[in-house]
Protein backbone atom coordinates (compact mmCIF):
# COMPACT_ATOMS: atom_id res chain seq x y z
CA MET A 1 -27.51 -16.89 21.85
CA LYS A 2 -24.91 -17.16 24.62
CA LYS A 3 -25.01 -20.94 24.33
CA VAL A 4 -24.42 -20.74 20.57
CA LEU A 5 -21.44 -18.43 21.06
CA GLU A 6 -19.98 -20.73 23.71
CA ILE A 7 -20.28 -23.78 21.47
CA GLY A 8 -18.99 -21.76 18.49
CA GLY A 9 -15.89 -20.76 20.45
CA PHE A 10 -15.05 -24.37 21.28
CA ILE A 11 -15.66 -25.48 17.68
CA SER A 12 -13.47 -22.68 16.28
CA GLY A 13 -10.69 -23.57 18.69
CA ALA A 14 -10.93 -27.26 17.78
CA ILE A 15 -10.76 -26.47 14.06
CA LEU A 16 -7.70 -24.27 14.51
CA ILE A 17 -6.00 -26.97 16.57
CA ALA A 18 -6.75 -29.58 13.89
CA PHE A 19 -5.42 -27.31 11.12
CA GLY A 20 -2.33 -26.51 13.19
CA VAL A 21 -1.53 -30.18 13.74
CA ALA A 22 -2.08 -30.94 10.02
CA VAL A 23 0.15 -28.07 8.85
CA ILE A 24 2.92 -29.07 11.29
CA ALA A 25 2.73 -32.67 10.05
CA LEU A 26 2.91 -31.57 6.40
CA GLY A 27 5.84 -29.26 7.08
CA ALA A 28 7.74 -31.93 8.98
CA SER A 29 7.05 -34.46 6.21
CA GLY A 30 8.29 -32.05 3.52
CA ARG A 31 11.45 -31.27 5.46
CA SER A 32 12.10 -34.98 6.01
CA THR A 33 11.64 -35.67 2.28
CA VAL A 34 14.14 -32.96 1.30
CA ASN A 35 16.74 -34.27 3.75
CA SER A 36 16.22 -37.90 2.67
CA ASN A 37 16.62 -37.03 -1.03
CA LEU A 38 19.80 -35.06 -0.35
CA LYS A 39 21.27 -37.91 1.69
CA ALA A 40 20.50 -40.33 -1.15
CA GLU A 41 22.71 -38.28 -3.51
CA GLN A 42 25.73 -38.89 -1.23
CA ILE A 43 27.21 -35.43 -1.84
CA THR A 44 30.25 -34.44 0.19
CA GLY A 45 31.99 -31.08 0.23
CA THR A 46 35.44 -30.95 -1.35
CA PRO A 47 38.47 -30.00 0.82
CA ASP A 48 38.61 -26.47 -0.63
CA MET A 49 35.06 -25.61 0.42
CA THR A 50 36.10 -23.25 3.19
CA PRO A 51 35.99 -19.42 2.93
CA ALA A 52 39.77 -19.05 3.20
CA LEU A 53 40.72 -21.72 0.65
CA ILE A 54 38.10 -20.74 -1.93
CA LYS A 55 39.25 -17.11 -1.77
CA ALA A 56 42.83 -18.24 -2.40
CA GLU A 57 41.72 -20.31 -5.41
CA ALA A 58 39.69 -17.43 -6.82
CA ALA A 59 42.63 -15.04 -6.47
CA LYS A 60 44.94 -17.54 -8.18
CA ALA A 61 42.47 -17.88 -11.07
CA GLY A 62 42.15 -14.09 -11.33
CA LEU A 63 38.43 -14.07 -10.59
CA LYS A 64 36.98 -10.67 -9.72
CA ASN A 65 33.64 -9.42 -8.39
CA VAL A 66 32.85 -12.81 -6.86
CA SER A 67 30.59 -13.28 -3.84
CA PHE A 68 32.25 -15.68 -1.44
CA PRO A 69 30.30 -17.95 0.94
CA THR A 70 30.81 -17.52 4.67
CA CYS A 71 29.84 -21.12 5.49
CA SER A 72 32.03 -24.21 5.26
CA VAL A 73 31.14 -27.72 4.04
CA ALA A 74 34.62 -29.11 3.47
CA GLY A 75 34.45 -32.86 4.05
CA LYS A 76 30.84 -32.61 5.25
CA ALA A 77 27.90 -34.62 3.91
CA ILE A 78 25.18 -32.53 2.25
CA THR A 79 22.08 -33.67 4.14
CA ASN A 80 19.82 -30.63 4.52
CA GLY A 81 18.78 -27.40 2.85
CA SER A 82 21.37 -25.20 4.55
CA THR A 83 24.35 -27.34 3.54
CA ALA A 84 22.88 -27.72 0.03
CA ARG A 85 22.75 -23.93 -0.35
CA CYS A 86 26.33 -23.61 0.91
CA PHE A 87 27.57 -26.31 -1.49
CA ALA A 88 25.82 -24.55 -4.40
CA GLN A 89 27.66 -21.31 -3.62
CA TYR A 90 31.01 -23.08 -3.82
CA MET A 91 29.99 -24.85 -7.03
CA ARG A 92 29.41 -21.50 -8.71
CA ILE A 93 32.95 -20.39 -7.91
CA HIS A 94 34.32 -23.68 -9.22
CA ALA A 95 32.37 -23.16 -12.44
CA LEU A 96 33.71 -19.59 -12.81
CA ASP A 97 37.20 -20.97 -12.32
CA ALA A 98 36.59 -23.49 -15.13
CA THR A 99 35.21 -20.88 -17.53
CA GLY A 100 37.81 -18.23 -16.84
CA GLY A 101 35.32 -16.04 -15.00
CA TYR A 102 32.71 -15.95 -17.77
CA VAL A 103 29.02 -16.71 -17.25
CA TYR A 104 26.61 -18.33 -19.70
CA ALA A 105 25.58 -15.10 -21.45
CA GLN A 106 29.24 -14.24 -22.15
CA MET A 107 30.15 -17.53 -23.80
CA GLY A 108 29.61 -18.64 -27.38
CA MET A 109 28.17 -21.97 -28.45
CA TYR A 110 31.24 -23.03 -30.46
CA LEU A 111 34.99 -22.73 -30.42
CA ALA A 112 35.93 -20.00 -32.87
CA LYS A 113 38.38 -20.72 -35.66
CA PRO A 114 41.37 -18.42 -36.26
CA GLY A 115 40.54 -15.24 -38.14
CA THR A 116 36.97 -14.96 -36.86
CA PRO A 117 35.80 -11.33 -37.11
CA LYS A 118 35.65 -9.55 -33.76
CA ALA A 119 31.95 -8.85 -34.28
CA ASP A 120 31.28 -12.61 -34.27
CA LEU A 121 33.31 -13.32 -31.15
CA THR A 122 31.77 -13.55 -27.69
CA PRO A 123 33.60 -12.09 -24.65
CA ASP A 124 35.24 -15.46 -23.91
CA GLY A 125 36.73 -15.66 -27.40
CA ALA A 126 34.25 -18.25 -28.71
CA THR A 127 31.46 -17.71 -31.24
CA SER A 128 27.76 -18.45 -31.66
CA ASN A 129 28.02 -18.16 -35.45
CA ALA A 130 28.38 -21.66 -36.88
CA ALA A 131 30.03 -20.21 -39.99
CA TYR A 132 33.10 -19.26 -37.92
CA ALA A 133 33.14 -22.33 -35.68
CA GLN A 134 35.94 -24.88 -35.63
CA ILE A 135 34.89 -28.11 -37.35
CA ASP A 136 35.43 -31.54 -35.86
CA PRO A 137 37.15 -33.58 -38.64
CA LYS A 138 35.50 -36.80 -37.46
CA THR A 139 31.92 -35.57 -37.41
CA ASN A 140 32.17 -32.50 -39.66
CA GLN A 141 30.13 -30.67 -37.03
CA PRO A 142 30.98 -27.41 -35.19
CA VAL A 143 33.01 -28.03 -32.02
CA SER A 144 30.96 -27.06 -29.00
CA ASN A 145 32.34 -24.74 -26.35
CA GLY A 146 33.25 -27.07 -23.46
CA ALA A 147 33.40 -24.23 -20.92
CA ARG A 148 29.85 -23.25 -21.78
CA ASN A 149 28.71 -26.84 -21.32
CA VAL A 150 30.37 -26.88 -17.89
CA TRP A 151 28.40 -23.78 -16.94
CA VAL A 152 25.11 -25.32 -18.12
CA THR A 153 25.76 -28.46 -16.05
CA GLU A 154 26.75 -26.41 -13.01
CA THR A 155 23.63 -24.27 -13.28
CA ALA A 156 21.39 -27.34 -13.41
CA LEU A 157 23.00 -28.83 -10.32
CA THR A 158 23.08 -25.63 -8.27
CA THR A 159 19.46 -24.89 -9.19
CA ALA A 160 18.46 -28.30 -7.81
CA LEU A 161 20.41 -27.64 -4.61
CA ASN A 162 18.93 -24.16 -4.22
CA VAL A 163 15.44 -25.56 -4.74
CA SER A 164 16.17 -28.03 -1.93
CA PHE A 165 17.12 -25.10 0.28
CA MET A 166 13.94 -23.22 -0.64
CA ALA A 167 11.80 -26.32 -0.01
CA SER A 168 13.46 -26.79 3.36
CA GLN A 169 12.76 -23.17 4.32
CA LEU A 170 9.13 -23.42 3.18
CA SER A 171 8.72 -26.56 5.28
CA LEU A 172 10.12 -24.70 8.29
CA PHE A 173 7.72 -21.82 7.60
CA SER A 174 4.81 -24.30 7.48
CA ILE A 175 5.81 -25.71 10.85
CA VAL A 176 5.91 -22.20 12.36
CA VAL A 177 2.49 -21.36 10.90
CA GLY A 178 1.15 -24.67 12.20
CA LEU A 179 2.41 -23.87 15.69
CA ALA A 180 0.75 -20.45 15.49
CA LEU A 181 -2.57 -22.02 14.49
CA LEU A 182 -2.26 -24.64 17.22
CA LEU A 183 -1.57 -22.06 19.94
CA THR A 184 -4.37 -19.81 18.67
CA GLY A 185 -6.82 -22.71 18.77
CA ILE A 186 -5.76 -23.64 22.30
CA GLY A 187 -6.13 -19.99 23.29
CA PHE A 188 -9.69 -19.86 21.93
CA VAL A 189 -10.65 -23.00 23.86
CA VAL A 190 -9.09 -21.73 27.09
CA LEU A 191 -10.71 -18.29 26.83
CA ASP A 192 -14.08 -19.84 26.05
CA TYR A 193 -13.76 -22.22 29.00
CA VAL A 194 -12.70 -19.40 31.36
CA ALA A 195 -15.57 -17.17 30.21
CA LEU A 196 -18.04 -20.05 30.71
CA HIS A 197 -16.60 -20.88 34.12
CA VAL A 198 -16.77 -17.24 35.27
CA ARG A 199 -20.36 -16.96 34.07
CA ARG A 200 -21.36 -20.07 35.99
CA GLU A 201 -19.64 -18.86 39.16
CA LYS A 202 -21.44 -15.53 38.83
CA LYS A 203 -24.80 -17.25 38.51
CA ALA A 204 -24.04 -19.48 41.49
CA THR A 205 -23.04 -16.45 43.57
CA GLU A 206 -26.20 -14.57 42.59
CA ALA A 207 -28.35 -17.60 43.40
CA ALA A 208 -26.67 -17.97 46.80
CA ALA A 209 -27.24 -14.28 47.55
CA ILE A 210 -30.95 -14.62 46.68
CA ASP A 211 -31.27 -17.66 48.92
CA THR A 212 -29.56 -15.76 51.75
CA ARG A 213 -31.99 -12.82 51.42
CA LYS A 214 -34.98 -15.16 51.36
CA ALA A 215 -33.74 -16.90 54.49
CA ALA A 216 -33.25 -13.55 56.25
CA LEU A 217 -36.78 -12.40 55.35
CA ALA A 218 -38.26 -15.64 56.58
């Protein structure tokens, strides 16, 4: 039974070490993939992407209740999850500046024509009722709300950047978990080896003591 437990301890430790190495490799690979894909997009922060300058722009545009980033990516290449997240925060403020401070839910689908009833107007002064939309004379179709389209595009881009940040953080978490498994496996092997070594030394000591007593009796 003791032999089985000894072997089981070594096997358990080896399995944990193998899993730890695999998880670390997967995490490192995922992090590398995220960084490579971001580099391929060749994104660079605009000059105003500093906390001080973006606050000045927001104040000039009359934006209120805006959360400002504390990081800076002005002139920096976006090459990892952290810088991607920072860039996305600045993009949101740029989008608010373009829409006059309105978010998607506050903007209508079309530009409203003069005389549109207040009940059919959205907070930004547009409308989602095609009957009150301005008509493009060339296409005879309602004129879409350009500010709303800007917000949709911005949301798509910032979502992709935020996903990159999340993927980067998950990869880092995987690496940490892998290290924990690796160290636990090594600990199991060491403890099992120490216990086995101590047991053998104890047996050797007991055998030597018996031999000493036999020699004394003889």
